[in-house]
PDB file of all heavy atoms in Angstrom:
ATOM      1  N   GLU A   1       0.819  -1.189  -0.036  1.00  0.00           N
ATOM      2  CA  GLU A   1       0.059  -0.021  -0.035  1.00  0.00           C
ATOM      3  C   GLU A   1       0.912   1.274   0.001  1.00  0.00           C
ATOM      4  O   GLU A   1       1.732   1.507   0.915  1.00  0.00           O
ATOM      5  CB  GLU A   1      -0.886   0.036   1.273  1.00  0.00           C
ATOM      6  CG  GLU A   1      -1.963   1.037   1.250  1.00  0.00           C
ATOM      7  CD  GLU A   1      -3.046   0.864   2.404  1.00  0.00           C
ATOM      8  OE1 GLU A   1      -3.034  -0.288   3.017  1.00  0.00           O
ATOM      9  OE2 GLU A   1      -3.638   1.833   2.670  1.00  0.00           O
ATOM     10  N   TYR A   2       0.670   2.061  -1.066  1.00  0.00           N
ATOM     11  CA  TYR A   2       1.348   3.378  -1.229  1.00  0.00           C
ATOM     12  C   TYR A   2       0.937   4.194   0.006  1.00  0.00           C
ATOM     13  O   TYR A   2      -0.179   4.364   0.375  1.00  0.00           O
ATOM     14  CB  TYR A   2       1.019   4.039  -2.551  1.00  0.00           C
ATOM     15  CG  TYR A   2       1.650   5.350  -2.727  1.00  0.00           C
ATOM     16  CD1 TYR A   2       2.927   5.541  -2.909  1.00  0.00           C
ATOM     17  CD2 TYR A   2       0.776   6.442  -2.862  1.00  0.00           C
ATOM     18  CE1 TYR A   2       3.478   6.862  -3.324  1.00  0.00           C
ATOM     19  CE2 TYR A   2       1.222   7.743  -3.130  1.00  0.00           C
ATOM     20  CZ  TYR A   2       2.637   7.885  -3.366  1.00  0.00           C
ATOM     21  OH  TYR A   2       3.234   9.076  -3.653  1.00  0.00           O
ATOM     22  N   SER A   3       1.937   5.007   0.677  1.00  0.00           N
ATOM     23  CA  SER A   3       1.573   5.647   1.992  1.00  0.00           C
ATOM     24  C   SER A   3       2.539   6.889   2.078  1.00  0.00           C
ATOM     25  O   SER A   3       3.382   7.132   1.230  1.00  0.00           O
ATOM     26  CB  SER A   3       1.777   4.738   3.094  1.00  0.00           C
ATOM     27  OG  SER A   3       3.126   4.630   3.350  1.00  0.00           O
ATOM     28  N   ILE A   4       2.342   7.545   3.124  1.00  0.00           N
ATOM     29  CA  ILE A   4       3.182   8.826   3.414  1.00  0.00           C
ATOM     30  C   ILE A   4       4.629   8.386   3.667  1.00  0.00           C
ATOM     31  O   ILE A   4       5.464   9.240   3.479  1.00  0.00           O
ATOM     32  CB  ILE A   4       2.645   9.598   4.580  1.00  0.00           C
ATOM     33  CG1 ILE A   4       2.508   8.623   5.976  1.00  0.00           C
ATOM     34  CG2 ILE A   4       1.235  10.255   4.383  1.00  0.00           C
ATOM     35  CD1 ILE A   4       2.157   9.435   7.188  1.00  0.00           C
ATOM     36  N   ALA A   5       4.841   7.167   3.912  1.00  0.00           N
ATOM     37  CA  ALA A   5       6.327   6.710   4.094  1.00  0.00           C
ATOM     38  C   ALA A   5       6.985   6.881   2.759  1.00  0.00           C
ATOM     39  O   ALA A   5       8.080   7.229   2.680  1.00  0.00           O
ATOM     40  CB  ALA A   5       6.290   5.304   4.569  1.00  0.00           C
ATOM     41  N   ASP A   6       6.295   6.395   1.608  1.00  0.00           N
ATOM     42  CA  ASP A   6       6.957   6.531   0.388  1.00  0.00           C
ATOM     43  C   ASP A   6       7.040   7.962  -0.072  1.00  0.00           C
ATOM     44  O   ASP A   6       8.009   8.378  -0.628  1.00  0.00           O
ATOM     45  CB  ASP A   6       5.963   5.858  -0.701  1.00  0.00           C
ATOM     46  CG  ASP A   6       5.795   4.362  -0.370  1.00  0.00           C
ATOM     47  OD1 ASP A   6       6.682   3.634  -0.729  1.00  0.00           O
ATOM     48  OD2 ASP A   6       4.701   3.981   0.047  1.00  0.00           O
ATOM     49  N   ILE A   7       6.121   8.754   0.281  1.00  0.00           N
ATOM     50  CA  ILE A   7       6.103  10.238  -0.055  1.00  0.00           C
ATOM     51  C   ILE A   7       7.251  10.951   0.686  1.00  0.00           C
ATOM     52  O   ILE A   7       7.922  11.810   0.177  1.00  0.00           O
ATOM     53  CB  ILE A   7       4.794  10.902   0.312  1.00  0.00           C
ATOM     54  CG1 ILE A   7       3.612  10.420  -0.606  1.00  0.00           C
ATOM     55  CG2 ILE A   7       4.814  12.449   0.226  1.00  0.00           C
ATOM     56  CD1 ILE A   7       2.217  10.818  -0.194  1.00  0.00           C
ATOM     57  N   ALA A   8       7.491  10.475   1.944  1.00  0.00           N
ATOM     58  CA  ALA A   8       8.663  11.039   2.647  1.00  0.00           C
ATOM     59  C   ALA A   8      10.009  10.588   2.137  1.00  0.00           C
ATOM     60  O   ALA A   8      10.917  11.391   2.141  1.00  0.00           O
ATOM     61  CB  ALA A   8       8.525  10.614   4.097  1.00  0.00           C
ATOM     62  N   ILE A   9      10.114   9.382   1.673  1.00  0.00           N
ATOM     63  CA  ILE A   9      11.500   8.755   1.405  1.00  0.00           C
ATOM     64  C   ILE A   9      11.827   9.101  -0.020  1.00  0.00           C
ATOM     65  O   ILE A   9      12.912   9.385  -0.296  1.00  0.00           O
ATOM     66  CB  ILE A   9      11.425   7.275   1.707  1.00  0.00           C
ATOM     67  CG1 ILE A   9      11.368   7.089   3.180  1.00  0.00           C
ATOM     68  CG2 ILE A   9      12.697   6.601   1.186  1.00  0.00           C
ATOM     69  CD1 ILE A   9      11.143   5.649   3.546  1.00  0.00           C
ATOM     70  N   TYR A  10      10.922   9.090  -0.944  1.00  0.00           N
ATOM     71  CA  TYR A  10      11.265   9.200  -2.380  1.00  0.00           C
ATOM     72  C   TYR A  10      12.062  10.570  -2.642  1.00  0.00           C
ATOM     73  O   TYR A  10      13.030  10.499  -3.477  1.00  0.00           O
ATOM     74  CB  TYR A  10       9.919   9.250  -3.170  1.00  0.00           C
ATOM     75  CG  TYR A  10      10.225   9.588  -4.618  1.00  0.00           C
ATOM     76  CD1 TYR A  10      10.913   8.767  -5.526  1.00  0.00           C
ATOM     77  CD2 TYR A  10       9.877  10.914  -5.183  1.00  0.00           C
ATOM     78  CE1 TYR A  10      11.216   9.141  -6.740  1.00  0.00           C
ATOM     79  CE2 TYR A  10      10.207  11.372  -6.334  1.00  0.00           C
ATOM     80  CZ  TYR A  10      10.869  10.396  -7.207  1.00  0.00           C
ATOM     81  OH  TYR A  10      11.184  10.892  -8.473  1.00  0.00           O
ATOM     82  N   PRO A  11      11.592  11.735  -2.150  1.00  0.00           N
ATOM     83  CA  PRO A  11      12.363  12.895  -2.612  1.00  0.00           C
ATOM     84  C   PRO A  11      13.831  12.985  -2.264  1.00  0.00           C
ATOM     85  O   PRO A  11      14.582  13.629  -2.787  1.00  0.00           O
ATOM     86  CB  PRO A  11      11.647  14.097  -1.847  1.00  0.00           C
ATOM     87  CG  PRO A  11      10.239  13.530  -1.694  1.00  0.00           C
ATOM     88  CD  PRO A  11      10.485  12.093  -1.329  1.00  0.00           C
ATOM     89  N   TRP A  12      14.179  12.126  -1.220  1.00  0.00           N
ATOM     90  CA  TRP A  12      15.577  12.036  -0.779  1.00  0.00           C
ATOM     91  C   TRP A  12      16.237  10.874  -1.566  1.00  0.00           C
ATOM     92  O   TRP A  12      17.110  11.033  -2.338  1.00  0.00           O
ATOM     93  CB  TRP A  12      15.699  11.834   0.663  1.00  0.00           C
ATOM     94  CG  TRP A  12      15.599  13.144   1.406  1.00  0.00           C
ATOM     95  CD1 TRP A  12      14.513  13.504   2.142  1.00  0.00           C
ATOM     96  CD2 TRP A  12      16.419  14.171   1.482  1.00  0.00           C
ATOM     97  NE1 TRP A  12      14.537  14.712   2.727  1.00  0.00           N
ATOM     98  CE2 TRP A  12      15.956  15.256   2.318  1.00  0.00           C
ATOM     99  CE3 TRP A  12      17.761  14.455   1.057  1.00  0.00           C
ATOM    100  CZ2 TRP A  12      16.502  16.364   2.606  1.00  0.00           C
ATOM    101  CZ3 TRP A  12      18.358  15.632   1.318  1.00  0.00           C
ATOM    102  CH2 TRP A  12      17.819  16.577   2.142  1.00  0.00           C
ATOM    103  N   TYR A  13      15.830   9.606  -1.203  1.00  0.00           N
ATOM    104  CA  TYR A  13      16.538   8.547  -1.722  1.00  0.00           C
ATOM    105  C   TYR A  13      16.091   8.011  -3.041  1.00  0.00           C
ATOM    106  O   TYR A  13      16.946   7.562  -3.829  1.00  0.00           O
ATOM    107  CB  TYR A  13      16.259   7.336  -0.687  1.00  0.00           C
ATOM    108  CG  TYR A  13      16.993   7.682   0.615  1.00  0.00           C
ATOM    109  CD1 TYR A  13      16.168   8.357   1.678  1.00  0.00           C
ATOM    110  CD2 TYR A  13      18.296   7.507   0.987  1.00  0.00           C
ATOM    111  CE1 TYR A  13      16.741   8.716   2.799  1.00  0.00           C
ATOM    112  CE2 TYR A  13      18.812   7.752   2.175  1.00  0.00           C
ATOM    113  CZ  TYR A  13      17.998   8.479   3.142  1.00  0.00           C
ATOM    114  OH  TYR A  13      18.555   8.801   4.310  1.00  0.00           O
ATOM    115  N   GLY A  14      14.825   8.210  -3.498  1.00  0.00           N
ATOM    116  CA  GLY A  14      14.463   7.920  -4.837  1.00  0.00           C
ATOM    117  C   GLY A  14      15.151   8.851  -5.895  1.00  0.00           C
ATOM    118  O   GLY A  14      15.657   8.436  -6.823  1.00  0.00           O
ATOM    119  N   VAL A  15      15.141  10.063  -5.490  1.00  0.00           N
ATOM    120  CA  VAL A  15      15.714  11.069  -6.415  1.00  0.00           C
ATOM    121  C   VAL A  15      17.299  10.927  -6.433  1.00  0.00           C
ATOM    122  O   VAL A  15      17.863  10.964  -7.574  1.00  0.00           O
ATOM    123  CB  VAL A  15      15.487  12.543  -6.013  1.00  0.00           C
ATOM    124  CG1 VAL A  15      16.253  13.572  -6.774  1.00  0.00           C
ATOM    125  CG2 VAL A  15      13.891  12.823  -6.160  1.00  0.00           C
ATOM    126  N   LEU A  16      17.812  10.450  -5.323  1.00  0.00           N
ATOM    127  CA  LEU A  16      19.224  10.077  -5.393  1.00  0.00           C
ATOM    128  C   LEU A  16      19.683   8.986  -6.353  1.00  0.00           C
ATOM    129  O   LEU A  16      20.571   9.116  -7.069  1.00  0.00           O
ATOM    130  CB  LEU A  16      19.659   9.694  -3.934  1.00  0.00           C
ATOM    131  CG  LEU A  16      21.095   9.342  -3.711  1.00  0.00           C
ATOM    132  CD1 LEU A  16      22.070  10.443  -3.951  1.00  0.00           C
ATOM    133  CD2 LEU A  16      21.416   8.761  -2.300  1.00  0.00           C
ATOM    134  N   VAL A  17      18.869   7.855  -6.337  1.00  0.00           N
ATOM    135  CA  VAL A  17      19.150   6.775  -7.126  1.00  0.00           C
ATOM    136  C   VAL A  17      18.836   7.134  -8.630  1.00  0.00           C
ATOM    137  O   VAL A  17      19.209   6.424  -9.552  1.00  0.00           O
ATOM    138  CB  VAL A  17      18.579   5.478  -6.729  1.00  0.00           C
ATOM    139  CG1 VAL A  17      19.003   5.065  -5.376  1.00  0.00           C
ATOM    140  CG2 VAL A  17      17.000   5.413  -6.803  1.00  0.00           C
ATOM    141  N   GLU A  18      17.902   8.142  -8.776  1.00  0.00           N
ATOM    142  CA  GLU A  18      17.730   8.512 -10.251  1.00  0.00           C
ATOM    143  C   GLU A  18      18.833   9.525 -10.708  1.00  0.00           C
ATOM    144  O   GLU A  18      18.836   9.804 -11.967  1.00  0.00           O
ATOM    145  CB  GLU A  18      16.313   9.366 -10.199  1.00  0.00           C
ATOM    146  CG  GLU A  18      15.156   8.507 -10.050  1.00  0.00           C
ATOM    147  CD  GLU A  18      13.911   9.346  -9.753  1.00  0.00           C
ATOM    148  OE1 GLU A  18      14.036  10.516  -9.487  1.00  0.00           O
ATOM    149  OE2 GLU A  18      12.813   8.745  -9.880  1.00  0.00           O
ATOM    150  N   GLY A  19      19.733   9.815  -9.904  1.00  0.00           N
ATOM    151  CA  GLY A  19      20.905  10.623 -10.315  1.00  0.00           C
ATOM    152  C   GLY A  19      20.696  12.112 -10.309  1.00  0.00           C
ATOM    153  O   GLY A  19      21.331  12.863 -10.897  1.00  0.00           O
ATOM    154  N   ALA A  20      19.612  12.617  -9.617  1.00  0.00           N
ATOM    155  CA  ALA A  20      19.249  13.935  -9.645  1.00  0.00           C
ATOM    156  C   ALA A  20      19.459  14.655  -8.293  1.00  0.00           C
ATOM    157  O   ALA A  20      18.907  15.782  -8.046  1.00  0.00           O
ATOM    158  CB  ALA A  20      17.780  14.114 -10.019  1.00  0.00           C
ATOM    159  N   LEU A  21      20.261  14.069  -7.482  1.00  0.00           N
ATOM    160  CA  LEU A  21      20.604  14.711  -6.162  1.00  0.00           C
ATOM    161  C   LEU A  21      22.135  14.728  -5.962  1.00  0.00           C
ATOM    162  O   LEU A  21      22.690  13.669  -5.930  1.00  0.00           O
ATOM    163  CB  LEU A  21      19.923  13.830  -4.987  1.00  0.00           C
ATOM    164  CG  LEU A  21      19.940  14.515  -3.636  1.00  0.00           C
ATOM    165  CD1 LEU A  21      19.222  15.817  -3.578  1.00  0.00           C
ATOM    166  CD2 LEU A  21      19.390  13.571  -2.567  1.00  0.00           C
ATOM    167  N   TYR A  22      22.652  15.958  -5.797  1.00  0.00           N
ATOM    168  CA  TYR A  22      24.145  16.153  -5.557  1.00  0.00           C
ATOM    169  C   TYR A  22      25.020  15.665  -6.668  1.00  0.00           C
ATOM    170  O   TYR A  22      26.230  15.566  -6.492  1.00  0.00           O
ATOM    171  CB  TYR A  22      24.491  15.510  -4.154  1.00  0.00           C
ATOM    172  CG  TYR A  22      23.746  15.881  -3.035  1.00  0.00           C
ATOM    173  CD1 TYR A  22      23.199  14.937  -2.184  1.00  0.00           C
ATOM    174  CD2 TYR A  22      23.374  17.315  -2.742  1.00  0.00           C
ATOM    175  CE1 TYR A  22      22.387  15.322  -1.140  1.00  0.00           C
ATOM    176  CE2 TYR A  22      22.651  17.603  -1.683  1.00  0.00           C
ATOM    177  CZ  TYR A  22      22.119  16.664  -0.807  1.00  0.00           C
ATOM    178  OH  TYR A  22      21.338  16.987   0.227  1.00  0.00           O
ATOM    179  N   ASP A  23      24.381  15.304  -7.805  1.00  0.00           N
ATOM    180  CA  ASP A  23      25.218  14.847  -8.892  1.00  0.00           C
ATOM    181  C   ASP A  23      26.201  13.700  -8.399  1.00  0.00           C
ATOM    182  O   ASP A  23      27.398  13.661  -8.732  1.00  0.00           O
ATOM    183  CB  ASP A  23      26.050  15.958  -9.594  1.00  0.00           C
ATOM    184  CG  ASP A  23      26.645  15.471 -10.890  1.00  0.00           C
ATOM    185  OD1 ASP A  23      26.209  14.592 -11.607  1.00  0.00           O
ATOM    186  OD2 ASP A  23      27.762  16.171 -11.262  1.00  0.00           O
ATOM    187  N   ALA A  24      25.706  12.783  -7.596  1.00  0.00           N
ATOM    188  CA  ALA A  24      26.453  11.761  -6.897  1.00  0.00           C
ATOM    189  C   ALA A  24      26.182  10.383  -7.327  1.00  0.00           C
ATOM    190  O   ALA A  24      26.552   9.437  -6.602  1.00  0.00           O
ATOM    191  CB  ALA A  24      26.295  12.003  -5.358  1.00  0.00           C
ATOM    192  N   ALA A  25      25.426  10.144  -8.386  1.00  0.00           N
ATOM    193  CA  ALA A  25      24.994   8.878  -8.673  1.00  0.00           C
ATOM    194  C   ALA A  25      26.174   7.786  -9.021  1.00  0.00           C
ATOM    195  O   ALA A  25      26.209   6.778  -8.490  1.00  0.00           O
ATOM    196  CB  ALA A  25      24.070   8.917  -9.929  1.00  0.00           C
ATOM    197  N   GLU A  26      27.125   8.409  -9.791  1.00  0.00           N
ATOM    198  CA  GLU A  26      28.295   7.534 -10.090  1.00  0.00           C
ATOM    199  C   GLU A  26      29.154   7.256  -8.806  1.00  0.00           C
ATOM    200  O   GLU A  26      29.626   6.256  -8.616  1.00  0.00           O
ATOM    201  CB  GLU A  26      29.070   8.225 -11.178  1.00  0.00           C
ATOM    202  CG  GLU A  26      30.333   7.387 -11.731  1.00  0.00           C
ATOM    203  CD  GLU A  26      31.124   8.094 -12.784  1.00  0.00           C
ATOM    204  OE1 GLU A  26      30.773   9.202 -13.172  1.00  0.00           O
ATOM    205  OE2 GLU A  26      32.076   7.421 -13.263  1.00  0.00           O
ATOM    206  N   PHE A  27      29.370   8.375  -8.019  1.00  0.00           N
ATOM    207  CA  PHE A  27      30.231   8.357  -6.949  1.00  0.00           C
ATOM    208  C   PHE A  27      29.607   7.280  -5.891  1.00  0.00           C
ATOM    209  O   PHE A  27      30.485   6.506  -5.335  1.00  0.00           O
ATOM    210  CB  PHE A  27      30.311   9.660  -6.213  1.00  0.00           C
ATOM    211  CG  PHE A  27      31.168   9.736  -4.952  1.00  0.00           C
ATOM    212  CD1 PHE A  27      32.518   9.708  -5.027  1.00  0.00           C
ATOM    213  CD2 PHE A  27      30.573   9.802  -3.773  1.00  0.00           C
ATOM    214  CE1 PHE A  27      33.277   9.748  -3.990  1.00  0.00           C
ATOM    215  CE2 PHE A  27      31.401   9.805  -2.609  1.00  0.00           C
ATOM    216  CZ  PHE A  27      32.733   9.868  -2.716  1.00  0.00           C
ATOM    217  N   LEU A  28      28.431   7.267  -5.790  1.00  0.00           N
ATOM    218  CA  LEU A  28      27.731   6.320  -4.767  1.00  0.00           C
ATOM    219  C   LEU A  28      27.371   4.932  -5.420  1.00  0.00           C
ATOM    220  O   LEU A  28      26.770   4.164  -4.748  1.00  0.00           O
ATOM    221  CB  LEU A  28      26.609   7.034  -4.139  1.00  0.00           C
ATOM    222  CG  LEU A  28      26.826   8.206  -3.272  1.00  0.00           C
ATOM    223  CD1 LEU A  28      25.481   8.846  -2.940  1.00  0.00           C
ATOM    224  CD2 LEU A  28      27.682   7.733  -2.076  1.00  0.00           C
ATOM    225  N   SER A  29      27.609   4.738  -6.681  1.00  0.00           N
ATOM    226  CA  SER A  29      27.227   3.628  -7.452  1.00  0.00           C
ATOM    227  C   SER A  29      25.815   3.160  -7.163  1.00  0.00           C
ATOM    228  O   SER A  29      25.449   2.125  -6.801  1.00  0.00           O
ATOM    229  CB  SER A  29      28.191   2.418  -6.989  1.00  0.00           C
ATOM    230  OG  SER A  29      29.543   2.672  -7.239  1.00  0.00           O
ATOM    231  N   VAL A  30      24.886   4.115  -7.405  1.00  0.00           N
ATOM    232  CA  VAL A  30      23.514   3.793  -7.162  1.00  0.00           C
ATOM    233  C   VAL A  30      22.899   2.705  -8.022  1.00  0.00           C
ATOM    234  O   VAL A  30      21.839   2.230  -7.662  1.00  0.00           O
ATOM    235  CB  VAL A  30      22.661   5.155  -7.266  1.00  0.00           C
ATOM    236  CG1 VAL A  30      23.187   6.233  -6.284  1.00  0.00           C
ATOM    237  CG2 VAL A  30      22.674   5.615  -8.766  1.00  0.00           C
ATOM    238  N   HIS A  31      23.643   2.338  -9.123  1.00  0.00           N
ATOM    239  CA  HIS A  31      23.058   1.299  -9.892  1.00  0.00           C
ATOM    240  C   HIS A  31      23.014  -0.134  -9.210  1.00  0.00           C
ATOM    241  O   HIS A  31      22.365  -0.985  -9.533  1.00  0.00           O
ATOM    242  CB  HIS A  31      23.957   1.095 -11.179  1.00  0.00           C
ATOM    243  CG  HIS A  31      25.332   0.576 -10.815  1.00  0.00           C
ATOM    244  ND1 HIS A  31      26.377   1.450 -10.455  1.00  0.00           N
ATOM    245  CD2 HIS A  31      25.984  -0.592 -10.786  1.00  0.00           C
ATOM    246  CE1 HIS A  31      27.522   0.840 -10.313  1.00  0.00           C
ATOM    247  NE2 HIS A  31      27.258  -0.395 -10.434  1.00  0.00           N
ATOM    248  N   GLU A  32      23.754  -0.135  -8.090  1.00  0.00           N
ATOM    249  CA  GLU A  32      23.773  -1.418  -7.167  1.00  0.00           C
ATOM    250  C   GLU A  32      22.430  -1.615  -6.480  1.00  0.00           C
ATOM    251  O   GLU A  32      22.180  -2.826  -6.143  1.00  0.00           O
ATOM    252  CB  GLU A  32      24.911  -1.272  -6.124  1.00  0.00           C
ATOM    253  CG  GLU A  32      26.278  -1.117  -6.700  1.00  0.00           C
ATOM    254  CD  GLU A  32      27.411  -0.885  -5.649  1.00  0.00           C
ATOM    255  OE1 GLU A  32      26.966  -0.536  -4.501  1.00  0.00           O
ATOM    256  OE2 GLU A  32      28.555  -1.030  -5.918  1.00  0.00           O
ATOM    257  N   TYR A  33      21.690  -0.638  -6.330  1.00  0.00           N
ATOM    258  CA  TYR A  33      20.450  -0.729  -5.546  1.00  0.00           C
ATOM    259  C   TYR A  33      19.080  -0.871  -6.423  1.00  0.00           C
ATOM    260  O   TYR A  33      18.382   0.003  -6.592  1.00  0.00           O
ATOM    261  CB  TYR A  33      20.293   0.475  -4.683  1.00  0.00           C
ATOM    262  CG  TYR A  33      21.565   0.746  -3.848  1.00  0.00           C
ATOM    263  CD1 TYR A  33      22.441   1.768  -4.194  1.00  0.00           C
ATOM    264  CD2 TYR A  33      21.926  -0.117  -2.798  1.00  0.00           C
ATOM    265  CE1 TYR A  33      23.682   1.892  -3.490  1.00  0.00           C
ATOM    266  CE2 TYR A  33      23.133   0.148  -2.107  1.00  0.00           C
ATOM    267  CZ  TYR A  33      24.081   1.021  -2.448  1.00  0.00           C
ATOM    268  OH  TYR A  33      25.113   1.186  -1.767  1.00  0.00           O
ATOM    269  N   GLU A  34      19.099  -2.032  -7.080  1.00  0.00           N
ATOM    270  CA  GLU A  34      18.066  -2.361  -8.107  1.00  0.00           C
ATOM    271  C   GLU A  34      16.680  -2.140  -7.584  1.00  0.00           C
ATOM    272  O   GLU A  34      15.834  -1.701  -8.251  1.00  0.00           O
ATOM    273  CB  GLU A  34      18.323  -3.607  -8.836  1.00  0.00           C
ATOM    274  CG  GLU A  34      18.279  -4.791  -7.809  1.00  0.00           C
ATOM    275  CD  GLU A  34      18.489  -6.219  -8.545  1.00  0.00           C
ATOM    276  OE1 GLU A  34      17.795  -6.305  -9.563  1.00  0.00           O
ATOM    277  OE2 GLU A  34      19.214  -6.941  -8.081  1.00  0.00           O
ATOM    278  N   HIS A  35      16.541  -2.570  -6.335  1.00  0.00           N
ATOM    279  CA  HIS A  35      15.068  -2.520  -5.848  1.00  0.00           C
ATOM    280  C   HIS A  35      14.682  -1.171  -5.489  1.00  0.00           C
ATOM    281  O   HIS A  35      13.515  -0.806  -5.616  1.00  0.00           O
ATOM    282  CB  HIS A  35      15.018  -3.517  -4.628  1.00  0.00           C
ATOM    283  CG  HIS A  35      15.296  -4.872  -5.005  1.00  0.00           C
ATOM    284  ND1 HIS A  35      14.763  -5.730  -5.817  1.00  0.00           N
ATOM    285  CD2 HIS A  35      16.431  -5.718  -4.570  1.00  0.00           C
ATOM    286  CE1 HIS A  35      15.258  -6.890  -5.983  1.00  0.00           C
ATOM    287  NE2 HIS A  35      16.379  -6.939  -5.134  1.00  0.00           N
ATOM    288  N   VAL A  36      15.662  -0.370  -4.987  1.00  0.00           N
ATOM    289  CA  VAL A  36      15.299   1.013  -4.794  1.00  0.00           C
ATOM    290  C   VAL A  36      14.960   1.779  -5.975  1.00  0.00           C
ATOM    291  O   VAL A  36      14.056   2.609  -6.129  1.00  0.00           O
ATOM    292  CB  VAL A  36      16.502   1.730  -4.005  1.00  0.00           C
ATOM    293  CG1 VAL A  36      16.098   3.145  -3.611  1.00  0.00           C
ATOM    294  CG2 VAL A  36      16.801   0.970  -2.735  1.00  0.00           C
ATOM    295  N   ARG A  37      15.748   1.457  -7.069  1.00  0.00           N
ATOM    296  CA  ARG A  37      15.547   2.073  -8.423  1.00  0.00           C
ATOM    297  C   ARG A  37      14.164   1.660  -8.955  1.00  0.00           C
ATOM    298  O   ARG A  37      13.495   2.480  -9.563  1.00  0.00           O
ATOM    299  CB  ARG A  37      16.678   1.718  -9.333  1.00  0.00           C
ATOM    300  CG  ARG A  37      18.005   2.226  -8.840  1.00  0.00           C
ATOM    301  CD  ARG A  37      19.268   1.791  -9.875  1.00  0.00           C
ATOM    302  NE  ARG A  37      19.053   2.319 -11.073  1.00  0.00           N
ATOM    303  CZ  ARG A  37      19.557   1.732 -12.201  1.00  0.00           C
ATOM    304  NH1 ARG A  37      20.289   0.690 -12.115  1.00  0.00           N
ATOM    305  NH2 ARG A  37      19.406   2.285 -13.446  1.00  0.00           N
ATOM    306  N   ARG A  38      13.845   0.392  -8.802  1.00  0.00           N
ATOM    307  CA  ARG A  38      12.542  -0.051  -9.282  1.00  0.00           C
ATOM    308  C   ARG A  38      11.411   0.670  -8.663  1.00  0.00           C
ATOM    309  O   ARG A  38      10.481   1.205  -9.242  1.00  0.00           O
ATOM    310  CB  ARG A  38      12.335  -1.574  -9.028  1.00  0.00           C
ATOM    311  CG  ARG A  38      11.104  -2.146  -9.523  1.00  0.00           C
ATOM    312  CD  ARG A  38       9.943  -2.152  -8.463  1.00  0.00           C
ATOM    313  NE  ARG A  38      10.364  -2.599  -7.209  1.00  0.00           N
ATOM    314  CZ  ARG A  38       9.637  -2.468  -6.095  1.00  0.00           C
ATOM    315  NH1 ARG A  38       8.627  -1.589  -6.031  1.00  0.00           N
ATOM    316  NH2 ARG A  38      10.086  -2.918  -4.857  1.00  0.00           N
ATOM    317  N   TRP A  39      11.495   0.777  -7.370  1.00  0.00           N
ATOM    318  CA  TRP A  39      10.515   1.528  -6.517  1.00  0.00           C
ATOM    319  C   TRP A  39      10.468   3.002  -6.818  1.00  0.00           C
ATOM    320  O   TRP A  39       9.414   3.586  -7.056  1.00  0.00           O
ATOM    321  CB  TRP A  39      10.864   1.348  -5.028  1.00  0.00           C
ATOM    322  CG  TRP A  39      10.246   2.291  -3.936  1.00  0.00           C
ATOM    323  CD1 TRP A  39       9.052   2.158  -3.499  1.00  0.00           C
ATOM    324  CD2 TRP A  39      10.810   3.456  -3.498  1.00  0.00           C
ATOM    325  NE1 TRP A  39       8.703   3.228  -2.620  1.00  0.00           N
ATOM    326  CE2 TRP A  39       9.798   4.008  -2.642  1.00  0.00           C
ATOM    327  CE3 TRP A  39      12.012   4.087  -3.652  1.00  0.00           C
ATOM    328  CZ2 TRP A  39      10.061   5.238  -1.848  1.00  0.00           C
ATOM    329  CZ3 TRP A  39      12.258   5.382  -2.914  1.00  0.00           C
ATOM    330  CH2 TRP A  39      11.222   5.775  -2.099  1.00  0.00           C
TER     331      TRP A  39
END
């Protein structure tokens, strides 16, 4: 069930794994977190 937990977490960690936060996607190897990226 989609909830306020998703709304709270996505703008930080979702945007991070999308490569749109701090320009740090390559540095943090966000491609490793496939389930976070799917979500």
